[in-house]
Amino acid sequence: MTSMSIPTFRLYDTMTKRVRELRTQEPGILKFYTCGPTVYSYAHIGNFRSFLTSDLVVRTAAALGWKATWVCNITDVGHLTQDDVTDAGGEDRMAKGLTSKEGEQFVNVWELADYYIAAFKEDWRRLNLVEPYVRPRATQHIREQLLMAMELVRMGKAYETPSGVYFSVESFPEYGKLSGNRDQDTLKRGVREVVSDENKHHPADFALWKKDDRHLMQWFSPYGWGFPGWHIECSAMSRAYLGDTLDLHAGGEDNIFPHHECEVAQSEALTGKPFSNHWIHTRHLQVEGQKMSKSLGNFLTVREVTEERGFDPMALRLALIGGVYSKPLNFTQQSLRDAAGNIERFREALARAESAAVSGRTAEEDLTQTLEDLYDQALEAMCNDLNTPVAVAKAIEGAKLILREGDALSEVSGLAGVRFLMKINDLLGIIANQHGQDASVAGAPSVDEAAIQAMIDERAAAKAAKDYARADAIRLQLDELHIEVQDTPNGTIWKVKSPE
């Protein structure tokens, strides 16, 4: 911090239903778990809105000098399609993915999982998210899940039936404390039509292990061949890397019930300790005012927005964090275009600041204190329940100050501008991608790289000469050649857009 005291990091807590201070068990160490993707297909931009919330938590913690031990899992087995009730039925999403039109290209479900995990990581890097401490896969932690289930059975908190091992919700009197779903009649009505095992003690009891020797992904256990239930996976993996009690657990609002409610029950029944001291959930994303769905044609993935529609990934990131995470966000073409304009403004400001920083120019006006104050205000906004609209507004205000000075920007102010923009980038990740440029799209048409580079150089010369009309014309030519141009602090980079 520069001119103000270190702010208190406060977040809305789903459990207590209020904004309160985020406290860590160990000073300066944040034990943080995020429910990651189920890798049967490409993650959509709504998924990434939730992951970006976690990314911003980690960035804000780092700005305060904390170290985040961040775990973001990958679900590659056990997530069934009817997941809006405690004991889901239906198909395993991984098996369903293999039978989809896109899944026809894969030999088996393991290959499908590997492909979509790689795609997920690529999209993660495109949107400039911080890398987590670890991304555990459910299939790599079967032992931990079985040991939890076996111990819960031994404790009398779970029981075996001919079709599986179930957690007894009646053995945990606090079941429902996260979601508020405490009414037993409501719980029974909500699951009566999908109960698949008449031997269950209570309709809301949920599976820790499913017995199924025909499942595409199965393991041998003391209960026979089968696979784990979805809920037990996160409890086991978070405990393996972060211990019995987390400082913070995150996910989308659809995870609150039943997934996170079940995590709380089985984990606290096992350990007798709080599972997580703080809970944060991101609200749903709409597209052009409607729920995102394939049937409406507004189901968008990261690669569709960035490759097929040609938008800068950083613009997509900015558009997705532009609204407060705790409120629904309406994603529109206009918000994406506005974000793209602001990304260009940030990059132009950084280029001018870098140039001024080595110019030797002097001037009466010194922007140092003003920019430091703006950064402090941005950080304070992020500490106030991740108030990204205010933080982004402060970032834009700083960029405008730098651009207003233009060629008159002094060396001192230029250095201050570079510091400001780089600190904003560390906090919000909206100026320069720390992962670098992605490789060109596989399968894209071949191009004359020398000719493209010549056009890039000509455009740079036109911008330097303030011939912006010529620079824009060259960019349009490049666009017609399916070349995506991205201006960065280290120069202009380009790649071939994916074919339509």
Protein backbone atom coordinates (compact mmCIF):
# COMPACT_ATOMS: atom_id res chain seq x y z
CA MET A 1 0.00 0.00 0.00
CA THR A 2 1.05 3.60 -0.52
CA SER A 3 -0.99 6.40 1.03
CA MET A 4 -3.57 4.51 3.07
CA SER A 5 -3.75 1.79 5.67
CA ILE A 6 -4.16 -1.82 4.56
CA PRO A 7 -7.88 -2.46 4.01
CA THR A 8 -9.78 -5.38 5.53
CA PHE A 9 -10.73 -8.08 3.03
CA ARG A 10 -14.49 -8.57 3.35
CA LEU A 11 -16.68 -10.98 1.37
CA TYR A 12 -20.32 -12.01 1.49
CA ASP A 13 -20.58 -15.33 3.32
CA THR A 14 -23.34 -17.65 2.07
CA MET A 15 -23.45 -19.48 5.41
CA THR A 16 -24.05 -16.43 7.63
CA LYS A 17 -25.85 -14.41 4.91
CA ARG A 18 -23.75 -11.28 5.50
CA VAL A 19 -20.61 -9.53 4.32
CA ARG A 20 -17.87 -10.18 6.84
CA GLU A 21 -14.11 -10.22 7.16
CA LEU A 22 -12.29 -13.09 5.48
CA ARG A 23 -10.12 -14.55 8.23
CA THR A 24 -7.37 -17.11 7.75
CA GLN A 25 -6.41 -19.79 10.24
CA GLU A 26 -2.73 -19.14 9.59
CA PRO A 27 -1.63 -15.50 9.27
CA GLY A 28 -1.19 -14.58 5.62
CA ILE A 29 -2.03 -18.08 4.30
CA LEU A 30 -5.39 -18.53 2.53
CA LYS A 31 -6.61 -22.14 2.28
CA PHE A 32 -8.97 -21.83 -0.66
CA TYR A 33 -10.99 -24.43 -2.58
CA THR A 34 -12.97 -23.88 -5.78
CA CYS A 35 -15.31 -26.40 -7.37
CA GLY A 36 -13.91 -26.83 -10.87
CA PRO A 37 -15.38 -28.10 -14.14
CA THR A 38 -16.86 -31.43 -15.14
CA VAL A 39 -14.83 -32.15 -18.26
CA TYR A 40 -17.35 -33.76 -20.61
CA SER A 41 -17.40 -30.72 -22.93
CA TYR A 42 -16.01 -27.20 -23.25
CA ALA A 43 -16.59 -24.95 -20.25
CA HIS A 44 -18.89 -22.04 -21.13
CA ILE A 45 -18.45 -18.37 -20.26
CA GLY A 46 -20.86 -18.71 -17.32
CA ASN A 47 -18.54 -21.32 -15.81
CA PHE A 48 -15.63 -18.98 -16.32
CA ARG A 49 -17.45 -16.11 -14.63
CA SER A 50 -17.39 -18.24 -11.47
CA PHE A 51 -13.73 -19.20 -11.92
CA LEU A 52 -12.86 -15.52 -12.46
CA THR A 53 -14.41 -14.72 -9.08
CA SER A 54 -11.96 -17.14 -7.48
CA ASP A 55 -9.13 -15.67 -9.55
CA LEU A 56 -9.98 -12.19 -8.24
CA VAL A 57 -10.01 -13.48 -4.66
CA VAL A 58 -6.48 -14.83 -5.15
CA ARG A 59 -5.29 -11.61 -6.82
CA THR A 60 -6.74 -9.44 -4.05
CA ALA A 61 -5.20 -11.67 -1.39
CA ALA A 62 -1.81 -11.36 -3.13
CA ALA A 63 -2.15 -7.55 -3.20
CA LEU A 64 -2.57 -7.67 0.57
CA GLY A 65 0.59 -9.75 0.91
CA TRP A 66 -1.17 -13.06 1.49
CA LYS A 67 -0.23 -16.38 -0.06
CA ALA A 68 -3.16 -18.37 -1.43
CA THR A 69 -2.98 -22.14 -1.43
CA TRP A 70 -5.67 -22.47 -4.07
CA VAL A 71 -7.09 -25.84 -5.08
CA CYS A 72 -9.42 -26.06 -8.08
CA ASN A 73 -10.55 -29.62 -8.78
CA ILE A 74 -11.44 -31.36 -12.02
CA THR A 75 -14.45 -33.70 -11.99
CA ASP A 76 -13.91 -36.54 -14.44
CA VAL A 77 -16.32 -39.13 -13.00
CA GLY A 78 -19.44 -39.36 -10.87
CA HIS A 79 -21.29 -36.14 -11.79
CA LEU A 80 -24.74 -37.33 -12.83
CA THR A 81 -27.22 -35.39 -14.95
CA GLN A 82 -30.01 -35.01 -12.35
CA ASP A 83 -27.78 -32.96 -10.04
CA ASP A 84 -30.45 -30.59 -8.70
CA VAL A 85 -31.41 -33.09 -5.98
CA THR A 86 -29.33 -34.58 -3.19
CA ASP A 87 -29.03 -38.07 -4.64
CA ALA A 88 -28.76 -37.48 -8.36
CA GLY A 89 -29.83 -40.03 -10.92
CA GLY A 90 -29.53 -40.15 -14.67
CA GLU A 91 -26.38 -40.63 -16.70
CA ASP A 92 -22.84 -39.84 -15.68
CA ARG A 93 -22.03 -36.62 -17.55
CA MET A 94 -18.73 -38.11 -18.73
CA ALA A 95 -20.46 -41.13 -20.29
CA LYS A 96 -23.09 -38.87 -21.84
CA GLY A 97 -20.32 -36.70 -23.30
CA LEU A 98 -18.83 -39.74 -25.02
CA THR A 99 -22.14 -40.48 -26.77
CA SER A 100 -22.63 -36.88 -27.95
CA LYS A 101 -21.86 -35.76 -31.50
CA GLU A 102 -18.63 -34.14 -30.30
CA GLY A 103 -17.76 -37.27 -28.31
CA GLU A 104 -17.71 -39.49 -31.38
CA GLN A 105 -14.10 -38.48 -32.05
CA PHE A 106 -12.87 -40.15 -28.84
CA VAL A 107 -12.01 -43.82 -28.41
CA ASN A 108 -12.98 -43.92 -24.73
CA VAL A 109 -14.08 -41.73 -21.85
CA TRP A 110 -10.52 -41.34 -20.57
CA GLU A 111 -9.44 -39.82 -23.86
CA LEU A 112 -12.45 -37.50 -23.80
CA ALA A 113 -11.52 -36.33 -20.31
CA ASP A 114 -7.91 -35.64 -21.27
CA TYR A 115 -8.99 -33.62 -24.32
CA TYR A 116 -11.41 -31.38 -22.46
CA ILE A 117 -9.02 -30.92 -19.55
CA ALA A 118 -6.43 -29.61 -22.01
CA ALA A 119 -9.06 -27.36 -23.62
CA PHE A 120 -10.10 -26.06 -20.21
CA LYS A 121 -6.53 -25.19 -19.27
CA GLU A 122 -6.05 -23.42 -22.61
CA ASP A 123 -9.17 -21.31 -22.06
CA TRP A 124 -7.99 -20.61 -18.50
CA ARG A 125 -4.73 -19.19 -19.86
CA ARG A 126 -6.52 -17.20 -22.56
CA LEU A 127 -8.52 -15.39 -19.90
CA ASN A 128 -5.38 -14.74 -17.85
CA LEU A 129 -6.43 -16.56 -14.68
CA VAL A 130 -3.83 -17.21 -12.02
CA GLU A 131 -2.67 -20.82 -11.95
CA PRO A 132 -3.96 -22.68 -8.86
CA TYR A 133 -1.67 -24.50 -6.48
CA VAL A 134 -3.04 -27.81 -7.76
CA ARG A 135 -5.84 -29.15 -9.99
CA PRO A 136 -6.65 -32.59 -8.54
CA ARG A 137 -8.67 -35.00 -10.69
CA ALA A 138 -11.38 -37.05 -9.02
CA THR A 139 -10.16 -40.22 -10.73
CA GLN A 140 -6.74 -39.74 -9.15
CA HIS A 141 -8.15 -39.63 -5.61
CA ILE A 142 -10.41 -42.68 -5.46
CA ARG A 143 -8.54 -44.04 -2.43
CA GLU A 144 -9.25 -40.91 -0.36
CA GLN A 145 -12.93 -41.02 -1.31
CA LEU A 146 -13.28 -44.68 -0.39
CA LEU A 147 -11.54 -44.18 2.95
CA MET A 148 -13.96 -41.36 3.79
CA ALA A 149 -16.96 -43.48 2.86
CA MET A 150 -15.69 -46.46 4.86
CA GLU A 151 -15.06 -44.33 7.95
CA LEU A 152 -18.52 -42.75 7.74
CA VAL A 153 -20.04 -46.23 7.59
CA ARG A 154 -17.98 -47.29 10.61
CA MET A 155 -19.19 -44.22 12.51
CA GLY A 156 -22.82 -44.99 11.72
CA LYS A 157 -23.17 -41.86 9.58
CA ALA A 158 -23.52 -43.87 6.36
CA TYR A 159 -24.82 -47.29 5.38
CA GLU A 160 -24.67 -49.84 2.58
CA THR A 161 -27.55 -51.01 0.39
CA PRO A 162 -27.59 -53.41 -2.57
CA SER A 163 -26.97 -50.48 -4.93
CA GLY A 164 -24.52 -48.29 -3.04
CA VAL A 165 -23.27 -46.58 0.09
CA TYR A 166 -25.34 -43.64 1.32
CA PHE A 167 -24.83 -40.80 3.76
CA SER A 168 -27.62 -40.51 6.30
CA VAL A 169 -28.84 -36.91 6.41
CA GLU A 170 -30.73 -37.69 9.62
CA SER A 171 -27.37 -38.44 11.29
CA PHE A 172 -26.36 -34.81 10.78
CA PRO A 173 -28.91 -32.52 12.51
CA GLU A 174 -27.43 -29.38 10.90
CA TYR A 175 -28.13 -30.59 7.35
CA GLY A 176 -29.47 -27.61 5.41
CA LYS A 177 -27.62 -24.88 7.31
CA LEU A 178 -25.81 -23.59 4.19
CA SER A 179 -28.73 -23.54 1.76
CA GLY A 180 -31.57 -23.11 4.23
CA ASN A 181 -33.21 -26.32 2.97
CA ARG A 182 -34.05 -27.72 6.39
CA ASP A 183 -37.69 -28.72 5.91
CA GLN A 184 -37.81 -32.50 5.74
CA ASP A 185 -41.10 -32.63 3.83
CA THR A 186 -39.64 -30.35 1.17
CA LEU A 187 -36.53 -32.51 0.91
CA LYS A 188 -38.64 -35.63 0.52
CA ARG A 189 -40.88 -34.08 -2.14
CA GLY A 190 -37.85 -32.81 -4.04
CA VAL A 191 -36.34 -36.26 -4.46
CA ARG A 192 -39.29 -38.67 -4.35
CA GLU A 193 -39.58 -39.00 -8.11
CA VAL A 194 -35.88 -39.71 -8.68
CA VAL A 195 -35.11 -42.03 -5.76
CA SER A 196 -33.43 -45.05 -7.35
CA ASP A 197 -32.93 -47.20 -4.26
CA GLU A 198 -35.98 -48.19 -2.21
CA ASN A 199 -33.62 -49.37 0.55
CA LYS A 200 -32.52 -45.85 1.40
CA HIS A 201 -33.38 -44.76 4.95
CA HIS A 202 -34.44 -41.26 3.85
CA PRO A 203 -35.22 -39.99 0.33
CA ALA A 204 -32.60 -37.22 0.66
CA ASP A 205 -29.76 -39.57 1.64
CA PHE A 206 -27.07 -39.25 -1.01
CA ALA A 207 -24.62 -41.70 -2.51
CA LEU A 208 -20.98 -41.83 -1.42
CA TRP A 209 -20.38 -44.83 -3.67
CA LYS A 210 -22.46 -46.25 -6.53
CA LYS A 211 -22.30 -49.99 -7.19
CA ASP A 212 -22.16 -50.48 -10.95
CA ASP A 213 -19.99 -53.02 -12.74
CA ARG A 214 -21.19 -51.72 -16.15
CA HIS A 215 -20.12 -48.12 -15.68
CA LEU A 216 -17.51 -46.88 -18.18
CA MET A 217 -15.27 -45.78 -15.29
CA GLN A 218 -15.21 -48.14 -12.33
CA TRP A 219 -12.98 -49.23 -9.45
CA PHE A 220 -13.01 -52.15 -7.06
CA SER A 221 -13.96 -51.36 -3.48
CA PRO A 222 -15.05 -53.20 -0.31
CA TYR A 223 -18.56 -52.63 -1.67
CA GLY A 224 -17.85 -54.13 -5.08
CA TRP A 225 -17.15 -52.58 -8.46
CA GLY A 226 -18.42 -49.05 -8.88
CA PHE A 227 -17.62 -45.34 -8.84
CA PRO A 228 -17.77 -42.48 -6.32
CA GLY A 229 -20.64 -40.08 -5.81
CA TRP A 230 -20.05 -36.51 -6.96
CA HIS A 231 -20.33 -34.90 -3.51
CA ILE A 232 -17.68 -37.03 -1.80
CA GLU A 233 -15.06 -36.07 -4.39
CA CYS A 234 -14.63 -32.44 -3.32
CA SER A 235 -14.66 -33.30 0.38
CA ALA A 236 -11.89 -35.84 -0.13
CA MET A 237 -9.75 -33.72 -2.45
CA SER A 238 -10.00 -30.53 -0.40
CA ARG A 239 -9.07 -32.45 2.74
CA ALA A 240 -6.11 -34.09 0.99
CA TYR A 241 -4.52 -30.75 0.10
CA LEU A 242 -5.91 -28.24 2.62
CA GLY A 243 -6.79 -30.20 5.76
CA ASP A 244 -10.04 -30.60 7.68
CA THR A 245 -11.08 -26.93 7.63
CA LEU A 246 -10.89 -24.49 4.73
CA ASP A 247 -10.65 -20.73 5.04
CA LEU A 248 -12.79 -20.21 1.95
CA HIS A 249 -14.83 -22.37 -0.43
CA ALA A 250 -16.14 -21.02 -3.76
CA GLY A 251 -18.41 -22.08 -6.59
CA GLY A 252 -21.40 -21.09 -8.67
CA GLU A 253 -24.76 -20.44 -7.02
CA ASP A 254 -26.09 -23.71 -8.46
CA ASN A 255 -23.54 -25.55 -6.28
CA ILE A 256 -25.07 -24.34 -3.00
CA PHE A 257 -27.66 -27.10 -2.98
CA PRO A 258 -27.24 -29.96 -3.07
CA HIS A 259 -23.51 -30.18 -3.80
CA HIS A 260 -22.03 -27.88 -1.16
CA GLU A 261 -24.71 -28.76 1.38
CA CYS A 262 -23.72 -32.41 1.05
CA GLU A 263 -20.03 -31.55 1.28
CA VAL A 264 -20.67 -29.79 4.60
CA ALA A 265 -22.66 -32.71 6.00
CA GLN A 266 -20.27 -35.54 5.16
CA SER A 267 -17.11 -33.57 6.02
CA GLU A 268 -18.30 -32.24 9.37
CA ALA A 269 -19.87 -35.58 10.30
CA LEU A 270 -16.47 -37.19 9.69
CA THR A 271 -14.17 -34.68 11.39
CA GLY A 272 -16.38 -32.91 13.91
CA LYS A 273 -14.85 -29.63 12.67
CA PRO A 274 -16.19 -26.81 10.49
CA PHE A 275 -15.68 -27.71 6.83
CA SER A 276 -15.19 -24.13 5.64
CA ASN A 277 -15.11 -20.90 7.60
CA HIS A 278 -16.37 -18.80 4.66
CA TRP A 279 -18.43 -19.50 1.53
CA ILE A 280 -18.64 -17.41 -1.65
CA HIS A 281 -20.92 -18.10 -4.63
CA THR A 282 -21.15 -16.41 -8.03
CA ARG A 283 -24.56 -15.63 -9.49
CA HIS A 284 -25.74 -16.83 -12.90
CA LEU A 285 -24.83 -15.28 -16.24
CA GLN A 286 -27.41 -14.29 -18.84
CA VAL A 287 -26.71 -13.60 -22.51
CA GLU A 288 -28.61 -10.69 -24.07
CA GLY A 289 -31.15 -10.87 -21.25
CA GLN A 290 -31.88 -14.59 -21.60
CA LYS A 291 -30.73 -17.72 -19.82
CA MET A 292 -27.82 -19.22 -21.71
CA SER A 293 -28.82 -22.42 -23.52
CA LYS A 294 -27.96 -24.31 -26.67
CA SER A 295 -31.60 -24.32 -27.78
CA LEU A 296 -31.63 -20.49 -27.85
CA GLY A 297 -28.34 -20.36 -29.75
CA ASN A 298 -26.70 -18.18 -27.10
CA PHE A 299 -24.56 -20.86 -25.44
CA LEU A 300 -21.07 -19.40 -25.62
CA THR A 301 -17.66 -20.90 -24.91
CA VAL A 302 -14.42 -18.97 -24.56
CA ARG A 303 -13.13 -20.20 -27.91
CA GLU A 304 -16.35 -19.25 -29.68
CA VAL A 305 -16.07 -15.67 -28.49
CA THR A 306 -12.33 -15.32 -29.05
CA GLU A 307 -11.74 -17.45 -32.14
CA GLU A 308 -14.98 -17.52 -34.12
CA ARG A 309 -16.13 -14.00 -33.25
CA GLY A 310 -12.60 -12.59 -33.12
CA PHE A 311 -12.78 -10.78 -29.78
CA ASP A 312 -9.69 -10.21 -27.69
CA PRO A 313 -9.63 -12.71 -24.77
CA MET A 314 -8.76 -9.85 -22.42
CA ALA A 315 -11.91 -8.03 -23.52
CA LEU A 316 -13.93 -11.13 -22.68
CA ARG A 317 -12.27 -11.25 -19.27
CA LEU A 318 -13.08 -7.61 -18.62
CA ALA A 319 -16.70 -8.06 -19.73
CA LEU A 320 -17.13 -11.06 -17.40
CA ILE A 321 -15.72 -9.28 -14.33
CA GLY A 322 -17.43 -5.99 -15.11
CA GLY A 323 -20.38 -6.73 -12.84
CA VAL A 324 -20.44 -7.61 -9.15
CA TYR A 325 -20.12 -11.39 -8.74
CA SER A 326 -22.94 -11.50 -6.18
CA LYS A 327 -25.51 -10.23 -8.68
CA PRO A 328 -26.66 -11.78 -11.98
CA LEU A 329 -24.74 -10.45 -15.00
CA ASN A 330 -26.25 -9.77 -18.42
CA PHE A 331 -23.54 -10.42 -21.00
CA THR A 332 -24.16 -8.51 -24.25
CA GLN A 333 -22.36 -7.79 -27.49
CA GLN A 334 -22.30 -4.13 -26.49
CA SER A 335 -20.66 -4.88 -23.13
CA LEU A 336 -18.05 -6.93 -25.00
CA ARG A 337 -17.40 -4.13 -27.49
CA ASP A 338 -17.12 -1.61 -24.63
CA ALA A 339 -14.65 -3.89 -22.87
CA ALA A 340 -12.59 -4.21 -26.06
CA GLY A 341 -12.39 -0.42 -26.28
CA ASN A 342 -11.17 -0.18 -22.70
CA ILE A 343 -8.55 -2.87 -23.28
CA GLU A 344 -7.19 -0.81 -26.20
CA ARG A 345 -7.17 2.25 -23.93
CA PHE A 346 -5.15 0.41 -21.27
CA ARG A 347 -2.60 -0.81 -23.80
CA GLU A 348 -2.22 2.60 -25.41
CA ALA A 349 -1.74 4.15 -21.96
CA LEU A 350 0.90 1.56 -21.10
CA ALA A 351 2.73 2.16 -24.38
CA ARG A 352 2.78 5.91 -23.75
CA ALA A 353 3.87 5.46 -20.16
CA GLU A 354 6.71 3.12 -21.17
CA SER A 355 7.87 5.56 -23.82
CA ALA A 356 7.78 8.50 -21.40
CA ALA A 357 9.63 6.51 -18.72
CA VAL A 358 12.80 6.59 -20.84
CA SER A 359 12.23 9.97 -22.50
CA GLY A 360 14.11 12.21 -20.09
CA ARG A 361 11.26 14.75 -20.30
CA THR A 362 10.42 16.96 -17.35
CA ALA A 363 7.10 18.60 -16.58
CA GLU A 364 5.46 20.53 -13.78
CA GLU A 365 2.63 18.03 -13.35
CA ASP A 366 3.53 14.82 -11.50
CA LEU A 367 0.91 12.07 -11.69
CA THR A 368 2.64 9.84 -9.14
CA GLN A 369 0.45 10.59 -6.11
CA THR A 370 -2.77 10.70 -8.10
CA LEU A 371 -2.11 7.28 -9.64
CA GLU A 372 -1.08 5.80 -6.31
CA ASP A 373 -4.35 7.06 -4.81
CA LEU A 374 -6.35 5.57 -7.67
CA TYR A 375 -4.69 2.18 -7.18
CA ASP A 376 -5.39 2.31 -3.44
CA GLN A 377 -9.04 3.06 -4.19
CA ALA A 378 -9.18 0.14 -6.62
CA LEU A 379 -7.72 -2.23 -4.03
CA GLU A 380 -10.09 -0.92 -1.39
CA ALA A 381 -13.00 -1.62 -3.75
CA MET A 382 -11.80 -5.19 -4.30
CA CYS A 383 -11.50 -5.69 -0.55
CA ASN A 384 -15.11 -4.52 -0.26
CA ASP A 385 -16.70 -7.76 -1.47
CA LEU A 386 -14.89 -7.72 -4.84
CA ASN A 387 -16.50 -4.49 -6.07
CA THR A 388 -15.11 -4.83 -9.58
CA PRO A 389 -17.16 -2.02 -11.18
CA VAL A 390 -15.51 0.53 -8.91
CA ALA A 391 -12.05 -1.04 -9.26
CA VAL A 392 -12.30 -1.08 -13.06
CA ALA A 393 -13.55 2.52 -13.06
CA LYS A 394 -10.45 3.59 -11.08
CA ALA A 395 -8.24 1.72 -13.55
CA ILE A 396 -9.89 3.49 -16.50
CA GLU A 397 -9.57 6.85 -14.76
CA GLY A 398 -5.83 6.31 -14.35
CA ALA A 399 -5.41 5.28 -17.99
CA LYS A 400 -7.27 8.42 -19.11
CA LEU A 401 -4.96 10.60 -17.03
CA ILE A 402 -1.94 9.07 -18.73
CA LEU A 403 -3.46 9.45 -22.20
CA ARG A 404 -4.51 13.03 -21.50
CA GLU A 405 -0.87 14.00 -20.99
CA GLY A 406 0.06 12.33 -24.27
CA ASP A 407 3.50 13.27 -25.57
CA ALA A 408 3.90 15.75 -22.71
CA LEU A 409 4.04 12.96 -20.15
CA SER A 410 7.19 13.36 -18.07
CA GLU A 411 9.68 10.63 -17.28
CA VAL A 412 8.63 10.63 -13.62
CA SER A 413 4.93 10.41 -14.49
CA GLY A 414 5.70 7.77 -17.11
CA LEU A 415 7.38 5.59 -14.51
CA ALA A 416 4.42 6.13 -12.19
CA GLY A 417 2.08 5.20 -15.03
CA VAL A 418 3.89 1.95 -15.71
CA ARG A 419 3.83 1.06 -12.01
CA PHE A 420 0.13 1.89 -11.77
CA LEU A 421 -0.89 -0.16 -14.80
CA MET A 422 1.21 -3.15 -13.82
CA LYS A 423 -0.24 -3.13 -10.29
CA ILE A 424 -3.73 -2.86 -11.77
CA ASN A 425 -2.88 -5.80 -13.99
CA ASP A 426 -1.76 -7.83 -10.98
CA LEU A 427 -5.02 -6.94 -9.23
CA LEU A 428 -7.52 -7.31 -12.08
CA GLY A 429 -5.60 -9.09 -14.86
CA ILE A 430 -7.00 -6.87 -17.60
CA ILE A 431 -3.97 -5.29 -19.30
CA ALA A 432 -1.33 -7.89 -20.16
CA ASN A 433 -1.76 -11.66 -20.21
CA GLN A 434 0.80 -13.14 -17.84
CA HIS A 435 0.63 -16.45 -19.71
CA GLY A 436 1.82 -14.97 -23.00
CA GLN A 437 0.34 -15.50 -26.45
CA ASP A 438 -1.44 -18.75 -27.30
CA ALA A 439 -0.21 -20.79 -30.24
CA SER A 440 -1.99 -20.39 -33.54
CA VAL A 441 -5.18 -22.35 -33.94
CA ALA A 442 -4.62 -25.90 -35.13
CA GLY A 443 -6.06 -26.52 -38.56
CA ALA A 444 -6.10 -22.86 -39.55
CA PRO A 445 -5.09 -21.96 -43.11
CA SER A 446 -1.42 -21.33 -43.87
CA VAL A 447 -0.32 -17.72 -44.29
CA ASP A 448 2.66 -15.78 -45.59
CA GLU A 449 4.19 -14.88 -42.24
CA ALA A 450 6.68 -12.42 -43.77
CA ALA A 451 3.89 -10.54 -45.53
CA ILE A 452 1.78 -10.44 -42.38
CA GLN A 453 4.70 -9.17 -40.33
CA ALA A 454 5.35 -6.47 -42.92
CA MET A 455 1.75 -5.28 -42.52
CA ILE A 456 2.13 -5.38 -38.72
CA ASP A 457 5.27 -3.25 -38.97
CA GLU A 458 3.58 -0.79 -41.33
CA ARG A 459 0.66 -0.45 -38.93
CA ALA A 460 3.06 0.22 -36.03
CA ALA A 461 4.80 2.92 -38.07
CA ALA A 462 1.45 4.50 -38.92
CA LYS A 463 0.46 4.59 -35.25
CA ALA A 464 3.82 6.09 -34.30
CA ALA A 465 3.24 8.81 -36.90
CA LYS A 466 -0.29 9.33 -35.51
CA ASP A 467 -1.76 8.27 -38.84
CA TYR A 468 -4.53 6.37 -37.12
CA ALA A 469 -6.70 6.16 -40.24
CA ARG A 470 -3.93 4.22 -42.02
CA ALA A 471 -3.38 2.03 -38.97
CA ASP A 472 -7.09 1.19 -38.82
CA ALA A 473 -7.16 0.42 -42.53
CA ILE A 474 -4.29 -2.05 -42.15
CA ARG A 475 -6.05 -3.69 -39.24
CA LEU A 476 -9.15 -4.15 -41.40
CA GLN A 477 -6.99 -5.74 -44.09
CA LEU A 478 -5.55 -8.13 -41.54
CA ASP A 479 -9.04 -8.94 -40.32
CA GLU A 480 -10.09 -9.84 -43.87
CA LEU A 481 -7.13 -12.23 -43.94
CA HIS A 482 -8.46 -13.84 -40.72
CA ILE A 483 -5.54 -12.44 -38.72
CA GLU A 484 -6.21 -11.42 -35.13
CA VAL A 485 -3.98 -8.59 -33.92
CA GLN A 486 -3.23 -7.93 -30.26
CA ASP A 487 -1.20 -4.96 -29.01
CA THR A 488 0.77 -5.75 -25.86
CA PRO A 489 3.38 -3.94 -23.77
CA ASN A 490 6.01 -6.04 -25.54
CA GLY A 491 4.82 -5.19 -29.02
CA THR A 492 2.13 -6.38 -31.41
CA ILE A 493 1.43 -10.08 -31.67
CA TRP A 494 -0.90 -11.90 -34.05
CA LYS A 495 -2.46 -15.25 -34.75
CA VAL A 496 -4.71 -16.86 -37.33
CA LYS A 497 -8.37 -16.99 -36.40
CA SER A 498 -10.08 -20.35 -36.52
CA PRO A 499 -12.03 -20.96 -39.74
CA GLU A 500 -15.80 -20.35 -39.64
